[in-house]
Amino acid sequence: MRADNGPDTVHGSAERERMLEQMVAANDAFYAAARRIGNHPFIEFSGLLHEYIEACRSAHSAGIDFTQCNTHSGVNLPLHDHQVDYINEKLSCIFTGRSVMGSAG
């Protein structure tokens, strides 16, 4: 992924900004609904979404088109070690002690 005008960029900076705003709104709505439902592991998905949004925000700040970071493209979404740890903590809560990612180190 290159900066906004690089060959691998599909979505421009302004479009990604709008996406981030919409992602936050969607997560806020999910969190409110999940709280009403009252199932703690289900509520934890909001934490995963929040961390994903923060990773996307960081990638966007670095000029990376985060929409292209996925297993199909082979482009990784940049994550710090503490983010991997947090994601695994949430996955462990949701899926009773299991995680799917190793250390980012």
C-alpha atoms as a PDB file:
ATOM      1  CA  MET A   1       0.000   0.000   0.000  1.00  0.00           C
ATOM      2  CA  ARG A   2       1.371   3.347  -0.983  1.00  0.00           C
ATOM      3  CA  ALA A   3       0.344   6.846  -0.070  1.00  0.00           C
ATOM      4  CA  ASP A   4      -2.922   8.198  -1.455  1.00  0.00           C
ATOM      5  CA  ASN A   5      -1.851   8.441  -5.077  1.00  0.00           C
ATOM      6  CA  GLY A   6       0.127   5.204  -5.160  1.00  0.00           C
ATOM      7  CA  PRO A   7      -0.782   2.438  -7.586  1.00  0.00           C
ATOM      8  CA  ASP A   8      -2.187   0.135  -4.877  1.00  0.00           C
ATOM      9  CA  THR A   9      -4.583   2.718  -3.435  1.00  0.00           C
ATOM     10  CA  VAL A  10      -8.221   2.073  -4.262  1.00  0.00           C
ATOM     11  CA  HIS A  11      -9.874   4.631  -1.979  1.00  0.00           C
ATOM     12  CA  GLY A  12      -8.697   8.204  -1.615  1.00  0.00           C
ATOM     13  CA  SER A  13      -8.015   9.950   1.668  1.00  0.00           C
ATOM     14  CA  ALA A  14     -11.358  11.777   1.892  1.00  0.00           C
ATOM     15  CA  GLU A  15     -13.274   8.596   1.133  1.00  0.00           C
ATOM     16  CA  ARG A  16     -11.361   6.697   3.831  1.00  0.00           C
ATOM     17  CA  GLU A  17     -12.097   9.507   6.314  1.00  0.00           C
ATOM     18  CA  ARG A  18     -15.825   9.073   5.615  1.00  0.00           C
ATOM     19  CA  MET A  19     -15.470   5.324   5.988  1.00  0.00           C
ATOM     20  CA  LEU A  20     -13.820   5.720   9.376  1.00  0.00           C
ATOM     21  CA  GLU A  21     -16.626   8.002  10.557  1.00  0.00           C
ATOM     22  CA  GLN A  22     -19.235   5.496   9.391  1.00  0.00           C
ATOM     23  CA  MET A  23     -17.343   2.605  10.984  1.00  0.00           C
ATOM     24  CA  VAL A  24     -17.335   4.422  14.341  1.00  0.00           C
ATOM     25  CA  ALA A  25     -21.077   5.110  14.041  1.00  0.00           C
ATOM     26  CA  ALA A  26     -21.765   1.470  13.163  1.00  0.00           C
ATOM     27  CA  ASN A  27     -19.714   0.255  16.133  1.00  0.00           C
ATOM     28  CA  ASP A  28     -21.473   2.696  18.473  1.00  0.00           C
ATOM     29  CA  ALA A  29     -24.834   1.334  17.313  1.00  0.00           C
ATOM     30  CA  PHE A  30     -23.635  -2.257  17.687  1.00  0.00           C
ATOM     31  CA  TYR A  31     -22.325  -1.578  21.193  1.00  0.00           C
ATOM     32  CA  ALA A  32     -25.641  -0.033  22.282  1.00  0.00           C
ATOM     33  CA  ALA A  33     -27.578  -3.008  20.903  1.00  0.00           C
ATOM     34  CA  ALA A  34     -25.172  -5.524  22.411  1.00  0.00           C
ATOM     35  CA  ARG A  35     -25.480  -3.870  25.824  1.00  0.00           C
ATOM     36  CA  ARG A  36     -29.276  -4.115  25.596  1.00  0.00           C
ATOM     37  CA  ILE A  37     -28.956  -7.813  24.768  1.00  0.00           C
ATOM     38  CA  GLY A  38     -26.733  -8.290  27.806  1.00  0.00           C
ATOM     39  CA  ASN A  39     -24.501 -11.157  26.638  1.00  0.00           C
ATOM     40  CA  HIS A  40     -20.974 -10.174  27.771  1.00  0.00           C
ATOM     41  CA  PRO A  41     -19.002 -12.134  25.133  1.00  0.00           C
ATOM     42  CA  PHE A  42     -21.193 -10.600  22.419  1.00  0.00           C
ATOM     43  CA  ILE A  43     -20.462  -7.120  23.806  1.00  0.00           C
ATOM     44  CA  GLU A  44     -16.731  -7.898  23.503  1.00  0.00           C
ATOM     45  CA  PHE A  45     -17.096  -7.863  19.703  1.00  0.00           C
ATOM     46  CA  SER A  46     -17.486  -4.099  20.002  1.00  0.00           C
ATOM     47  CA  GLY A  47     -13.987  -4.002  21.511  1.00  0.00           C
ATOM     48  CA  LEU A  48     -12.676  -5.945  18.513  1.00  0.00           C
ATOM     49  CA  LEU A  49     -14.406  -3.545  16.147  1.00  0.00           C
ATOM     50  CA  HIS A  50     -12.992  -0.570  18.040  1.00  0.00           C
ATOM     51  CA  GLU A  51      -9.458  -1.961  17.821  1.00  0.00           C
ATOM     52  CA  TYR A  52      -9.910  -2.651  14.107  1.00  0.00           C
ATOM     53  CA  ILE A  53     -11.064   0.936  13.592  1.00  0.00           C
ATOM     54  CA  GLU A  54      -8.050   2.247  15.514  1.00  0.00           C
ATOM     55  CA  ALA A  55      -5.707   0.115  13.394  1.00  0.00           C
ATOM     56  CA  CYS A  56      -7.419   1.428  10.254  1.00  0.00           C
ATOM     57  CA  ARG A  57      -7.096   4.988  11.542  1.00  0.00           C
ATOM     58  CA  SER A  58      -3.348   4.488  12.112  1.00  0.00           C
ATOM     59  CA  ALA A  59      -2.915   2.935   8.672  1.00  0.00           C
ATOM     60  CA  HIS A  60      -4.850   5.814   7.116  1.00  0.00           C
ATOM     61  CA  SER A  61      -2.598   8.330   8.897  1.00  0.00           C
ATOM     62  CA  ALA A  62       0.370   6.541   7.336  1.00  0.00           C
ATOM     63  CA  GLY A  63      -1.190   6.851   3.857  1.00  0.00           C
ATOM     64  CA  ILE A  64      -2.209   3.183   3.682  1.00  0.00           C
ATOM     65  CA  ASP A  65      -5.532   2.278   2.095  1.00  0.00           C
ATOM     66  CA  PHE A  66      -6.766   0.088   4.947  1.00  0.00           C
ATOM     67  CA  THR A  67      -9.592  -1.265   2.796  1.00  0.00           C
ATOM     68  CA  GLN A  68      -7.002  -3.283   0.921  1.00  0.00           C
ATOM     69  CA  CYS A  69      -5.503  -4.883   4.054  1.00  0.00           C
ATOM     70  CA  ASN A  70      -6.905  -8.399   4.179  1.00  0.00           C
ATOM     71  CA  THR A  71      -5.979 -12.010   3.654  1.00  0.00           C
ATOM     72  CA  HIS A  72      -7.234 -11.962   0.047  1.00  0.00           C
ATOM     73  CA  SER A  73      -4.884  -9.156  -0.994  1.00  0.00           C
ATOM     74  CA  GLY A  74      -1.985 -10.426   1.085  1.00  0.00           C
ATOM     75  CA  VAL A  75      -1.522  -6.949   2.573  1.00  0.00           C
ATOM     76  CA  ASN A  76      -1.393  -6.901   6.372  1.00  0.00           C
ATOM     77  CA  LEU A  77      -3.064  -4.239   8.455  1.00  0.00           C
ATOM     78  CA  PRO A  78      -0.225  -2.825  10.565  1.00  0.00           C
ATOM     79  CA  LEU A  79      -0.664  -3.734  14.249  1.00  0.00           C
ATOM     80  CA  HIS A  80       1.429  -2.946  17.303  1.00  0.00           C
ATOM     81  CA  ASP A  81       2.189  -5.700  19.820  1.00  0.00           C
ATOM     82  CA  HIS A  82      -0.237  -4.189  22.341  1.00  0.00           C
ATOM     83  CA  GLN A  83      -3.018  -4.313  19.743  1.00  0.00           C
ATOM     84  CA  VAL A  84      -2.365  -8.002  19.057  1.00  0.00           C
ATOM     85  CA  ASP A  85      -2.445  -8.651  22.811  1.00  0.00           C
ATOM     86  CA  TYR A  86      -5.736  -6.754  23.174  1.00  0.00           C
ATOM     87  CA  ILE A  87      -7.305  -8.580  20.222  1.00  0.00           C
ATOM     88  CA  ASN A  88      -6.246 -11.925  21.671  1.00  0.00           C
ATOM     89  CA  GLU A  89      -7.654 -10.916  25.072  1.00  0.00           C
ATOM     90  CA  LYS A  90     -11.028 -10.190  23.453  1.00  0.00           C
ATOM     91  CA  LEU A  91     -10.930 -13.420  21.410  1.00  0.00           C
ATOM     92  CA  SER A  92     -10.063 -15.361  24.545  1.00  0.00           C
ATOM     93  CA  CYS A  93     -13.078 -13.901  26.339  1.00  0.00           C
ATOM     94  CA  ILE A  94     -15.430 -14.510  23.419  1.00  0.00           C
ATOM     95  CA  PHE A  95     -14.186 -17.966  22.489  1.00  0.00           C
ATOM     96  CA  THR A  96     -13.408 -19.273  25.992  1.00  0.00           C
ATOM     97  CA  GLY A  97      -9.665 -19.172  26.145  1.00  0.00           C
ATOM     98  CA  ARG A  98      -8.743 -19.465  22.470  1.00  0.00           C
ATOM     99  CA  SER A  99      -6.882 -16.998  20.300  1.00  0.00           C
ATOM    100  CA  VAL A 100      -6.128 -17.044  16.612  1.00  0.00           C
ATOM    101  CA  MET A 101      -3.106 -14.755  16.350  1.00  0.00           C
ATOM    102  CA  GLY A 102       0.429 -15.157  17.565  1.00  0.00           C
ATOM    103  CA  SER A 103       2.584 -12.354  18.880  1.00  0.00           C
ATOM    104  CA  ALA A 104       3.245  -9.535  16.442  1.00  0.00           C
ATOM    105  CA  GLY A 105       6.936  -9.660  17.336  1.00  0.00           C
END
